[in-house]
C-alpha atoms as a PDB file:
ATOM      1  CA  MET A   1       1.418 -21.141  22.478  1.00  0.00           C
ATOM      2  CA  ALA A   2       1.980 -18.118  20.244  1.00  0.00           C
ATOM      3  CA  HIS A   3      -0.959 -16.136  18.897  1.00  0.00           C
ATOM      4  CA  ILE A   4      -0.765 -16.080  15.081  1.00  0.00           C
ATOM      5  CA  ILE A   5      -1.538 -12.814  13.294  1.00  0.00           C
ATOM      6  CA  VAL A   6      -1.926 -12.973   9.523  1.00  0.00           C
ATOM      7  CA  VAL A   7      -1.973  -9.764   7.490  1.00  0.00           C
ATOM      8  CA  GLY A   8      -3.583 -10.600   4.169  1.00  0.00           C
ATOM      9  CA  ASN A   9      -5.167  -9.067   1.113  1.00  0.00           C
ATOM     10  CA  GLU A  10      -4.817 -10.393  -2.424  1.00  0.00           C
ATOM     11  CA  LYS A  11      -4.618  -6.875  -3.880  1.00  0.00           C
ATOM     12  CA  GLY A  12      -1.327  -5.006  -3.824  1.00  0.00           C
ATOM     13  CA  GLY A  13      -0.914  -1.471  -2.533  1.00  0.00           C
ATOM     14  CA  ALA A  14      -3.270  -1.770   0.419  1.00  0.00           C
ATOM     15  CA  GLY A  15      -0.554  -1.121   3.014  1.00  0.00           C
ATOM     16  CA  LYS A  16      -0.072  -4.687   4.292  1.00  0.00           C
ATOM     17  CA  SER A  17       3.648  -4.362   5.019  1.00  0.00           C
ATOM     18  CA  THR A  18       3.247  -0.962   6.696  1.00  0.00           C
ATOM     19  CA  VAL A  19       0.487  -2.338   8.913  1.00  0.00           C
ATOM     20  CA  SER A  20       2.514  -5.511   9.587  1.00  0.00           C
ATOM     21  CA  MET A  21       5.601  -3.537  10.610  1.00  0.00           C
ATOM     22  CA  HIS A  22       3.699  -1.229  12.924  1.00  0.00           C
ATOM     23  CA  VAL A  23       1.672  -4.002  14.576  1.00  0.00           C
ATOM     24  CA  ALA A  24       4.759  -6.188  15.101  1.00  0.00           C
ATOM     25  CA  THR A  25       7.027  -3.440  16.446  1.00  0.00           C
ATOM     26  CA  THR A  26       4.255  -2.064  18.676  1.00  0.00           C
ATOM     27  CA  LEU A  27       3.910  -5.498  20.248  1.00  0.00           C
ATOM     28  CA  ALA A  28       7.699  -5.692  20.686  1.00  0.00           C
ATOM     29  CA  ARG A  29       7.726  -2.232  22.256  1.00  0.00           C
ATOM     30  CA  LEU A  30       5.052  -3.387  24.708  1.00  0.00           C
ATOM     31  CA  GLY A  31       7.372  -6.168  25.842  1.00  0.00           C
ATOM     32  CA  HIS A  32       6.086  -9.104  23.819  1.00  0.00           C
ATOM     33  CA  LYS A  33       8.373 -11.509  21.979  1.00  0.00           C
ATOM     34  CA  VAL A  34       7.435 -11.323  18.295  1.00  0.00           C
ATOM     35  CA  ALA A  35       8.542 -13.366  15.285  1.00  0.00           C
ATOM     36  CA  ALA A  36       7.731 -12.469  11.683  1.00  0.00           C
ATOM     37  CA  LEU A  37       7.438 -14.430   8.441  1.00  0.00           C
ATOM     38  CA  ASP A  38       7.271 -12.733   5.042  1.00  0.00           C
ATOM     39  CA  LEU A  39       5.488 -14.972   2.537  1.00  0.00           C
ATOM     40  CA  ASP A  40       6.160 -12.679  -0.411  1.00  0.00           C
ATOM     41  CA  LEU A  41       9.256 -14.651  -1.316  1.00  0.00           C
ATOM     42  CA  ARG A  42      10.101 -12.364  -4.242  1.00  0.00           C
ATOM     43  CA  GLN A  43       9.461  -8.783  -3.110  1.00  0.00           C
ATOM     44  CA  ARG A  44       9.929  -9.285   0.679  1.00  0.00           C
ATOM     45  CA  SER A  45       8.719  -5.817   1.690  1.00  0.00           C
ATOM     46  CA  LEU A  46       8.391  -6.692   5.384  1.00  0.00           C
ATOM     47  CA  GLY A  47      11.693  -8.549   5.339  1.00  0.00           C
ATOM     48  CA  ARG A  48      13.438  -5.582   3.764  1.00  0.00           C
ATOM     49  CA  TYR A  49      11.775  -3.243   6.277  1.00  0.00           C
ATOM     50  CA  LEU A  50      13.147  -5.256   9.206  1.00  0.00           C
ATOM     51  CA  GLU A  51      16.580  -5.572   7.602  1.00  0.00           C
ATOM     52  CA  ASN A  52      16.657  -1.782   7.182  1.00  0.00           C
ATOM     53  CA  ARG A  53      15.842  -1.449  10.888  1.00  0.00           C
ATOM     54  CA  GLN A  54      18.715  -3.686  11.933  1.00  0.00           C
ATOM     55  CA  ASP A  55      21.174  -1.882   9.643  1.00  0.00           C
ATOM     56  CA  PHE A  56      20.084   1.561  10.812  1.00  0.00           C
ATOM     57  CA  CYS A  57      20.331   0.665  14.502  1.00  0.00           C
ATOM     58  CA  ALA A  58      23.772  -0.924  14.021  1.00  0.00           C
ATOM     59  CA  LYS A  59      25.142   2.163  12.242  1.00  0.00           C
ATOM     60  CA  ALA A  60      23.496   4.655  14.608  1.00  0.00           C
ATOM     61  CA  GLY A  61      24.380   2.723  17.756  1.00  0.00           C
ATOM     62  CA  LEU A  62      20.729   2.557  18.820  1.00  0.00           C
ATOM     63  CA  GLU A  63      18.804  -0.168  20.608  1.00  0.00           C
ATOM     64  CA  LEU A  64      15.213  -0.142  19.411  1.00  0.00           C
ATOM     65  CA  PRO A  65      12.623  -2.874  20.076  1.00  0.00           C
ATOM     66  CA  MET A  66      13.208  -5.622  17.530  1.00  0.00           C
ATOM     67  CA  VAL A  67      11.065  -8.182  15.759  1.00  0.00           C
ATOM     68  CA  GLU A  68      12.732 -11.484  14.884  1.00  0.00           C
ATOM     69  CA  MET A  69      12.592 -12.091  11.126  1.00  0.00           C
ATOM     70  CA  HIS A  70      12.659 -15.746  10.117  1.00  0.00           C
ATOM     71  CA  GLU A  71      12.887 -17.513   6.782  1.00  0.00           C
ATOM     72  CA  LEU A  72      10.912 -20.580   5.792  1.00  0.00           C
ATOM     73  CA  PRO A  73      13.047 -23.698   6.301  1.00  0.00           C
ATOM     74  CA  GLU A  74      14.030 -25.828   3.364  1.00  0.00           C
ATOM     75  CA  ILE A  75      12.294 -29.194   3.060  1.00  0.00           C
ATOM     76  CA  ASP A  76      13.761 -32.207   1.288  1.00  0.00           C
ATOM     77  CA  PRO A  77      11.239 -33.227  -1.417  1.00  0.00           C
ATOM     78  CA  ALA A  78      12.172 -36.836  -0.717  1.00  0.00           C
ATOM     79  CA  ASP A  79      10.523 -36.498   2.719  1.00  0.00           C
ATOM     80  CA  LEU A  80       7.125 -35.669   1.206  1.00  0.00           C
ATOM     81  CA  GLN A  81       4.349 -38.193   0.785  1.00  0.00           C
ATOM     82  CA  PRO A  82       2.610 -38.448  -2.621  1.00  0.00           C
ATOM     83  CA  GLY A  83       0.313 -35.451  -3.121  1.00  0.00           C
ATOM     84  CA  GLU A  84       1.808 -33.389  -0.284  1.00  0.00           C
ATOM     85  CA  ASN A  85       2.741 -29.784  -0.998  1.00  0.00           C
ATOM     86  CA  ILE A  86       6.237 -28.630  -0.078  1.00  0.00           C
ATOM     87  CA  TYR A  87       5.060 -25.100   0.789  1.00  0.00           C
ATOM     88  CA  ASP A  88       2.576 -26.481   3.330  1.00  0.00           C
ATOM     89  CA  HIS A  89       5.430 -28.235   5.107  1.00  0.00           C
ATOM     90  CA  ARG A  90       7.765 -25.242   4.963  1.00  0.00           C
ATOM     91  CA  LEU A  91       5.195 -22.955   6.594  1.00  0.00           C
ATOM     92  CA  SER A  92       4.003 -25.470   9.189  1.00  0.00           C
ATOM     93  CA  ALA A  93       7.617 -26.293  10.115  1.00  0.00           C
ATOM     94  CA  ALA A  94       8.416 -22.576  10.579  1.00  0.00           C
ATOM     95  CA  VAL A  95       5.353 -21.959  12.754  1.00  0.00           C
ATOM     96  CA  SER A  96       5.933 -25.096  14.852  1.00  0.00           C
ATOM     97  CA  ALA A  97       9.525 -24.051  15.545  1.00  0.00           C
ATOM     98  CA  LEU A  98       8.567 -20.493  16.522  1.00  0.00           C
ATOM     99  CA  GLU A  99       5.450 -21.104  18.625  1.00  0.00           C
ATOM    100  CA  PRO A 100       7.087 -22.256  21.890  1.00  0.00           C
ATOM    101  CA  GLY A 101       9.394 -19.253  22.281  1.00  0.00           C
ATOM    102  CA  HIS A 102       7.197 -16.368  21.152  1.00  0.00           C
ATOM    103  CA  ASP A 103       4.067 -14.533  22.223  1.00  0.00           C
ATOM    104  CA  PHE A 104       3.077 -13.582  18.679  1.00  0.00           C
ATOM    105  CA  ILE A 105       3.923 -14.761  15.174  1.00  0.00           C
ATOM    106  CA  LEU A 106       3.058 -12.239  12.481  1.00  0.00           C
ATOM    107  CA  ILE A 107       2.745 -13.542   8.918  1.00  0.00           C
ATOM    108  CA  ASP A 108       2.733 -10.999   6.088  1.00  0.00           C
ATOM    109  CA  CYS A 109       1.100 -12.415   2.943  1.00  0.00           C
ATOM    110  CA  PRO A 110       1.769 -11.376  -0.676  1.00  0.00           C
ATOM    111  CA  GLY A 111      -0.668  -9.256  -2.662  1.00  0.00           C
ATOM    112  CA  SER A 112      -1.738 -12.233  -4.754  1.00  0.00           C
ATOM    113  CA  HIS A 113      -3.258 -15.671  -4.341  1.00  0.00           C
ATOM    114  CA  THR A 114      -0.588 -18.245  -3.515  1.00  0.00           C
ATOM    115  CA  ARG A 115      -0.562 -21.626  -1.843  1.00  0.00           C
ATOM    116  CA  LEU A 116       1.465 -20.205   1.045  1.00  0.00           C
ATOM    117  CA  SER A 117      -1.046 -17.415   1.589  1.00  0.00           C
ATOM    118  CA  GLN A 118      -3.939 -19.844   1.506  1.00  0.00           C
ATOM    119  CA  VAL A 119      -2.346 -22.067   4.159  1.00  0.00           C
ATOM    120  CA  ALA A 120      -1.376 -19.054   6.295  1.00  0.00           C
ATOM    121  CA  HIS A 121      -4.993 -17.901   6.446  1.00  0.00           C
ATOM    122  CA  SER A 122      -6.035 -21.263   7.879  1.00  0.00           C
ATOM    123  CA  LEU A 123      -3.438 -20.796  10.654  1.00  0.00           C
ATOM    124  CA  ALA A 124      -4.640 -17.305  11.633  1.00  0.00           C
ATOM    125  CA  ASP A 125      -5.960 -16.640  15.120  1.00  0.00           C
ATOM    126  CA  THR A 126      -6.307 -13.011  14.069  1.00  0.00           C
ATOM    127  CA  LEU A 127      -6.628 -11.983  10.413  1.00  0.00           C
ATOM    128  CA  ILE A 128      -5.991  -8.336   9.537  1.00  0.00           C
ATOM    129  CA  THR A 129      -7.043  -7.229   6.061  1.00  0.00           C
ATOM    130  CA  PRO A 130      -5.971  -3.670   5.139  1.00  0.00           C
ATOM    131  CA  LEU A 131      -8.335  -2.176   2.586  1.00  0.00           C
ATOM    132  CA  ASN A 132      -8.040   1.120   0.718  1.00  0.00           C
ATOM    133  CA  ASP A 133     -11.195   3.212   0.874  1.00  0.00           C
ATOM    134  CA  SER A 134     -12.194   2.487  -2.721  1.00  0.00           C
ATOM    135  CA  PHE A 135     -14.739   0.281  -4.443  1.00  0.00           C
ATOM    136  CA  VAL A 136     -11.882  -1.025  -6.591  1.00  0.00           C
ATOM    137  CA  ASP A 137     -10.413  -2.544  -3.421  1.00  0.00           C
ATOM    138  CA  PHE A 138     -13.821  -3.413  -1.965  1.00  0.00           C
ATOM    139  CA  ASP A 139     -14.420  -5.652  -4.992  1.00  0.00           C
ATOM    140  CA  LEU A 140     -11.882  -8.039  -3.512  1.00  0.00           C
ATOM    141  CA  LEU A 141     -14.307  -8.695  -0.634  1.00  0.00           C
ATOM    142  CA  ALA A 142     -17.657  -8.513  -2.417  1.00  0.00           C
ATOM    143  CA  HIS A 143     -19.405  -7.507  -5.621  1.00  0.00           C
ATOM    144  CA  VAL A 144     -21.805  -4.574  -5.536  1.00  0.00           C
ATOM    145  CA  ASP A 145     -24.375  -3.149  -7.932  1.00  0.00           C
ATOM    146  CA  GLN A 146     -23.649  -0.171 -10.187  1.00  0.00           C
ATOM    147  CA  LYS A 147     -24.774   2.299  -7.522  1.00  0.00           C
ATOM    148  CA  GLY A 148     -22.453   0.765  -4.943  1.00  0.00           C
ATOM    149  CA  GLU A 149     -25.371   0.297  -2.564  1.00  0.00           C
ATOM    150  CA  THR A 150     -26.347  -3.375  -2.817  1.00  0.00           C
ATOM    151  CA  ILE A 151     -24.025  -6.333  -2.248  1.00  0.00           C
ATOM    152  CA  THR A 152     -24.622  -8.956  -4.912  1.00  0.00           C
ATOM    153  CA  GLY A 153     -22.275 -11.621  -3.557  1.00  0.00           C
ATOM    154  CA  PRO A 154     -18.929 -12.404  -1.930  1.00  0.00           C
ATOM    155  CA  SER A 155     -15.740 -12.223  -3.969  1.00  0.00           C
ATOM    156  CA  VAL A 156     -12.660 -14.415  -4.253  1.00  0.00           C
ATOM    157  CA  TYR A 157     -10.841 -13.309  -1.117  1.00  0.00           C
ATOM    158  CA  SER A 158     -13.906 -13.639   1.119  1.00  0.00           C
ATOM    159  CA  GLU A 159     -14.431 -17.138  -0.218  1.00  0.00           C
ATOM    160  CA  MET A 160     -10.828 -18.025   0.627  1.00  0.00           C
ATOM    161  CA  VAL A 161     -11.295 -16.765   4.192  1.00  0.00           C
ATOM    162  CA  TRP A 162     -14.509 -18.777   4.438  1.00  0.00           C
ATOM    163  CA  ASN A 163     -12.610 -21.909   3.372  1.00  0.00           C
ATOM    164  CA  ALA A 164      -9.911 -21.170   5.951  1.00  0.00           C
ATOM    165  CA  ARG A 165     -12.593 -20.869   8.616  1.00  0.00           C
ATOM    166  CA  GLN A 166     -14.037 -24.207   7.603  1.00  0.00           C
ATOM    167  CA  LEU A 167     -10.630 -25.882   7.861  1.00  0.00           C
ATOM    168  CA  ARG A 168     -10.102 -24.459  11.349  1.00  0.00           C
ATOM    169  CA  ALA A 169     -13.547 -25.612  12.458  1.00  0.00           C
ATOM    170  CA  GLN A 170     -12.838 -29.132  11.195  1.00  0.00           C
ATOM    171  CA  ALA A 171      -9.573 -29.135  13.150  1.00  0.00           C
ATOM    172  CA  GLY A 172     -11.368 -28.013  16.329  1.00  0.00           C
ATOM    173  CA  LEU A 173      -9.565 -24.650  16.449  1.00  0.00           C
ATOM    174  CA  LYS A 174     -11.003 -21.319  17.559  1.00  0.00           C
ATOM    175  CA  PRO A 175     -12.693 -19.202  14.852  1.00  0.00           C
ATOM    176  CA  ILE A 176     -10.602 -16.595  13.051  1.00  0.00           C
ATOM    177  CA  ASP A 177     -11.038 -13.086  14.428  1.00  0.00           C
ATOM    178  CA  TRP A 178     -11.169 -11.197  11.118  1.00  0.00           C
ATOM    179  CA  ILE A 179     -10.594  -7.444  11.143  1.00  0.00           C
ATOM    180  CA  VAL A 180     -10.818  -5.257   8.036  1.00  0.00           C
ATOM    181  CA  ILE A 181      -8.752  -2.097   8.428  1.00  0.00           C
ATOM    182  CA  ARG A 182      -9.821   0.916   6.386  1.00  0.00           C
ATOM    183  CA  ASN A 183      -6.717   2.670   5.035  1.00  0.00           C
ATOM    184  CA  ARG A 184      -6.450   5.993   3.222  1.00  0.00           C
ATOM    185  CA  VAL A 185      -9.895   7.179   4.316  1.00  0.00           C
ATOM    186  CA  GLY A 186     -10.456  10.773   3.234  1.00  0.00           C
ATOM    187  CA  THR A 187     -10.867  13.420   5.919  1.00  0.00           C
ATOM    188  CA  GLN A 188     -13.578  15.282   4.041  1.00  0.00           C
ATOM    189  CA  ARG A 189     -17.230  14.282   3.890  1.00  0.00           C
ATOM    190  CA  MET A 190     -17.616  12.695   0.454  1.00  0.00           C
ATOM    191  CA  VAL A 191     -20.315  10.583  -1.217  1.00  0.00           C
ATOM    192  CA  ASN A 192     -17.891   7.735  -2.021  1.00  0.00           C
ATOM    193  CA  LYS A 193     -16.646   7.665   1.570  1.00  0.00           C
ATOM    194  CA  GLU A 194     -20.206   7.382   2.895  1.00  0.00           C
ATOM    195  CA  LYS A 195     -21.106   4.664   0.382  1.00  0.00           C
ATOM    196  CA  MET A 196     -17.998   2.700   1.319  1.00  0.00           C
ATOM    197  CA  GLU A 197     -18.833   3.007   5.007  1.00  0.00           C
ATOM    198  CA  ARG A 198     -22.351   1.658   4.455  1.00  0.00           C
ATOM    199  CA  ALA A 199     -21.151  -1.160   2.180  1.00  0.00           C
ATOM    200  CA  ILE A 200     -18.452  -2.324   4.612  1.00  0.00           C
ATOM    201  CA  LYS A 201     -20.904  -2.209   7.514  1.00  0.00           C
ATOM    202  CA  MET A 202     -23.411  -4.341   5.575  1.00  0.00           C
ATOM    203  CA  LEU A 203     -20.748  -6.815   4.487  1.00  0.00           C
ATOM    204  CA  SER A 204     -19.257  -7.123   7.972  1.00  0.00           C
ATOM    205  CA  LYS A 205     -22.594  -8.412   9.270  1.00  0.00           C
ATOM    206  CA  ARG A 206     -23.066 -10.680   6.266  1.00  0.00           C
ATOM    207  CA  ILE A 207     -19.732 -12.506   6.232  1.00  0.00           C
ATOM    208  CA  GLY A 208     -18.496 -11.838   9.751  1.00  0.00           C
ATOM    209  CA  PHE A 209     -15.622  -9.424  10.235  1.00  0.00           C
ATOM    210  CA  ARG A 210     -14.933  -6.452  12.466  1.00  0.00           C
ATOM    211  CA  VAL A 211     -13.993  -3.029  11.100  1.00  0.00           C
ATOM    212  CA  ALA A 212     -11.095  -0.985  12.476  1.00  0.00           C
ATOM    213  CA  PRO A 213      -9.589   2.371  11.483  1.00  0.00           C
ATOM    214  CA  GLY A 214      -6.285   2.314   9.629  1.00  0.00           C
ATOM    215  CA  PHE A 215      -3.744   4.852   8.396  1.00  0.00           C
ATOM    216  CA  SER A 216      -4.391   7.966   6.360  1.00  0.00           C
ATOM    217  CA  GLU A 217      -2.238   8.704   3.307  1.00  0.00           C
ATOM    218  CA  ARG A 218       0.909  10.329   4.757  1.00  0.00           C
ATOM    219  CA  VAL A 219       4.393  11.029   3.416  1.00  0.00           C
ATOM    220  CA  ILE A 220       5.932   9.925   6.719  1.00  0.00           C
ATOM    221  CA  PHE A 221       5.398   6.235   5.907  1.00  0.00           C
ATOM    222  CA  ARG A 222       7.534   6.502   2.766  1.00  0.00           C
ATOM    223  CA  GLU A 223      10.259   8.272   4.749  1.00  0.00           C
ATOM    224  CA  LEU A 224      10.359   5.657   7.527  1.00  0.00           C
ATOM    225  CA  PHE A 225      10.943   2.579   5.356  1.00  0.00           C
ATOM    226  CA  PRO A 226      14.635   3.145   4.355  1.00  0.00           C
ATOM    227  CA  ARG A 227      15.631   3.309   8.033  1.00  0.00           C
ATOM    228  CA  GLY A 228      13.208   0.600   9.145  1.00  0.00           C
ATOM    229  CA  LEU A 229      11.525   2.949  11.580  1.00  0.00           C
ATOM    230  CA  THR A 230       7.926   3.229  12.760  1.00  0.00           C
ATOM    231  CA  LEU A 231       5.895   6.108  14.141  1.00  0.00           C
ATOM    232  CA  LEU A 232       6.777   5.075  17.694  1.00  0.00           C
ATOM    233  CA  ASP A 233      10.522   5.339  17.065  1.00  0.00           C
ATOM    234  CA  LEU A 234      10.667   9.023  16.119  1.00  0.00           C
ATOM    235  CA  LYS A 235      11.524  10.398  19.551  1.00  0.00           C
ATOM    236  CA  ASP A 236      14.071   7.623  20.092  1.00  0.00           C
ATOM    237  CA  VAL A 237      15.994   8.718  16.996  1.00  0.00           C
ATOM    238  CA  GLY A 238      16.147  12.372  18.005  1.00  0.00           C
ATOM    239  CA  VAL A 239      12.909  13.910  16.719  1.00  0.00           C
ATOM    240  CA  LYS A 240      12.209  16.211  19.666  1.00  0.00           C
ATOM    241  CA  GLN A 241       8.996  17.800  18.428  1.00  0.00           C
ATOM    242  CA  LEU A 242       6.521  15.903  16.266  1.00  0.00           C
ATOM    243  CA  ASN A 243       4.553  17.818  13.673  1.00  0.00           C
ATOM    244  CA  ILE A 244       0.753  17.700  13.535  1.00  0.00           C
ATOM    245  CA  SER A 245       0.743  15.006  10.843  1.00  0.00           C
ATOM    246  CA  ASN A 246       3.041  12.733  12.874  1.00  0.00           C
ATOM    247  CA  ILE A 247       0.972  13.186  16.021  1.00  0.00           C
ATOM    248  CA  ALA A 248      -2.195  12.339  14.092  1.00  0.00           C
ATOM    249  CA  ALA A 249      -0.528   9.241  12.605  1.00  0.00           C
ATOM    250  CA  ARG A 250       0.517   8.033  16.067  1.00  0.00           C
ATOM    251  CA  GLN A 251      -3.063   8.450  17.253  1.00  0.00           C
ATOM    252  CA  GLU A 252      -4.255   6.415  14.253  1.00  0.00           C
ATOM    253  CA  LEU A 253      -1.879   3.642  15.307  1.00  0.00           C
ATOM    254  CA  ARG A 254      -3.206   3.711  18.875  1.00  0.00           C
ATOM    255  CA  ASP A 255      -6.800   3.581  17.638  1.00  0.00           C
ATOM    256  CA  MET A 256      -6.015   0.714  15.278  1.00  0.00           C
ATOM    257  CA  MET A 257      -4.268  -1.375  17.957  1.00  0.00           C
ATOM    258  CA  LYS A 258      -7.112  -0.811  20.415  1.00  0.00           C
ATOM    259  CA  GLU A 259      -9.728  -1.896  17.868  1.00  0.00           C
ATOM    260  CA  VAL A 260      -7.720  -4.946  16.784  1.00  0.00           C
ATOM    261  CA  ASN A 261      -7.726  -5.891  20.482  1.00  0.00           C
ATOM    262  CA  LEU A 262      -5.145  -8.666  20.524  1.00  0.00           C
ATOM    263  CA  PRO A 263      -5.279 -11.027  23.529  1.00  0.00           C
ATOM    264  CA  GLY A 264      -3.069 -10.070  26.438  1.00  0.00           C
ATOM    265  CA  VAL A 265      -2.174  -6.707  24.884  1.00  0.00           C
ATOM    266  CA  GLU A 266      -2.788  -3.519  26.812  1.00  0.00           C
ATOM    267  CA  VAL A 267      -2.261  -0.601  24.452  1.00  0.00           C
ATOM    268  CA  SER A 268      -0.259   1.994  26.378  1.00  0.00           C
ATOM    269  CA  ILE A 269       1.699   3.610  23.568  1.00  0.00           C
END
């Protein structure tokens, strides 16, 4: 049975597709069979990323570890019972078809609230939520007072995750392992950074998620997308000597994968 990883955050620009691509291709590089579903049916950032990878490898004559990209199957509306949602059936049919032949299924959710995203969260064995190091992004998880020091209540996304957890409990499934990844954390000691760290630590205990380090803001991520490459591919495509920024980014990826701690995955990258 495949382990389902959902990468979700209802706010755009948090780095979901970059995290999705690096997690999926790292697993493939470690020898696991990985399938991917992109639920942003309009923008398809992860889908485009993987298509770019296939095109680049074909033109360059390279064989890099690949992630299988799959589309949601079409469902005949006539097959639905009254009140059933067609998107529920499309997603469940895709997952059911992929589970027997894969170790991991990674589902990349859109940066907005959709029915597909809601259902995907209820399927997650592991939920990864990338979060920019800003109280603007933190507001998606919880509301805080004007000083940014006291949590006044959970926000819309946390409530959706709570509902997904309830659905899984009712179905007798294992609890979601929820990990919030802190992206774009500043390297300097700053008041906002320290406040964010305290707020996330408090909230993690209150609503039940783990915290893992993410990626710093780096130009390299923008440069990798057109070729569908990741940090682990650089030497394979002829980059003989990595610069300091690239080495640091690779270490961030290692640290993130170790903290996410997926079952059966020994991080040796």
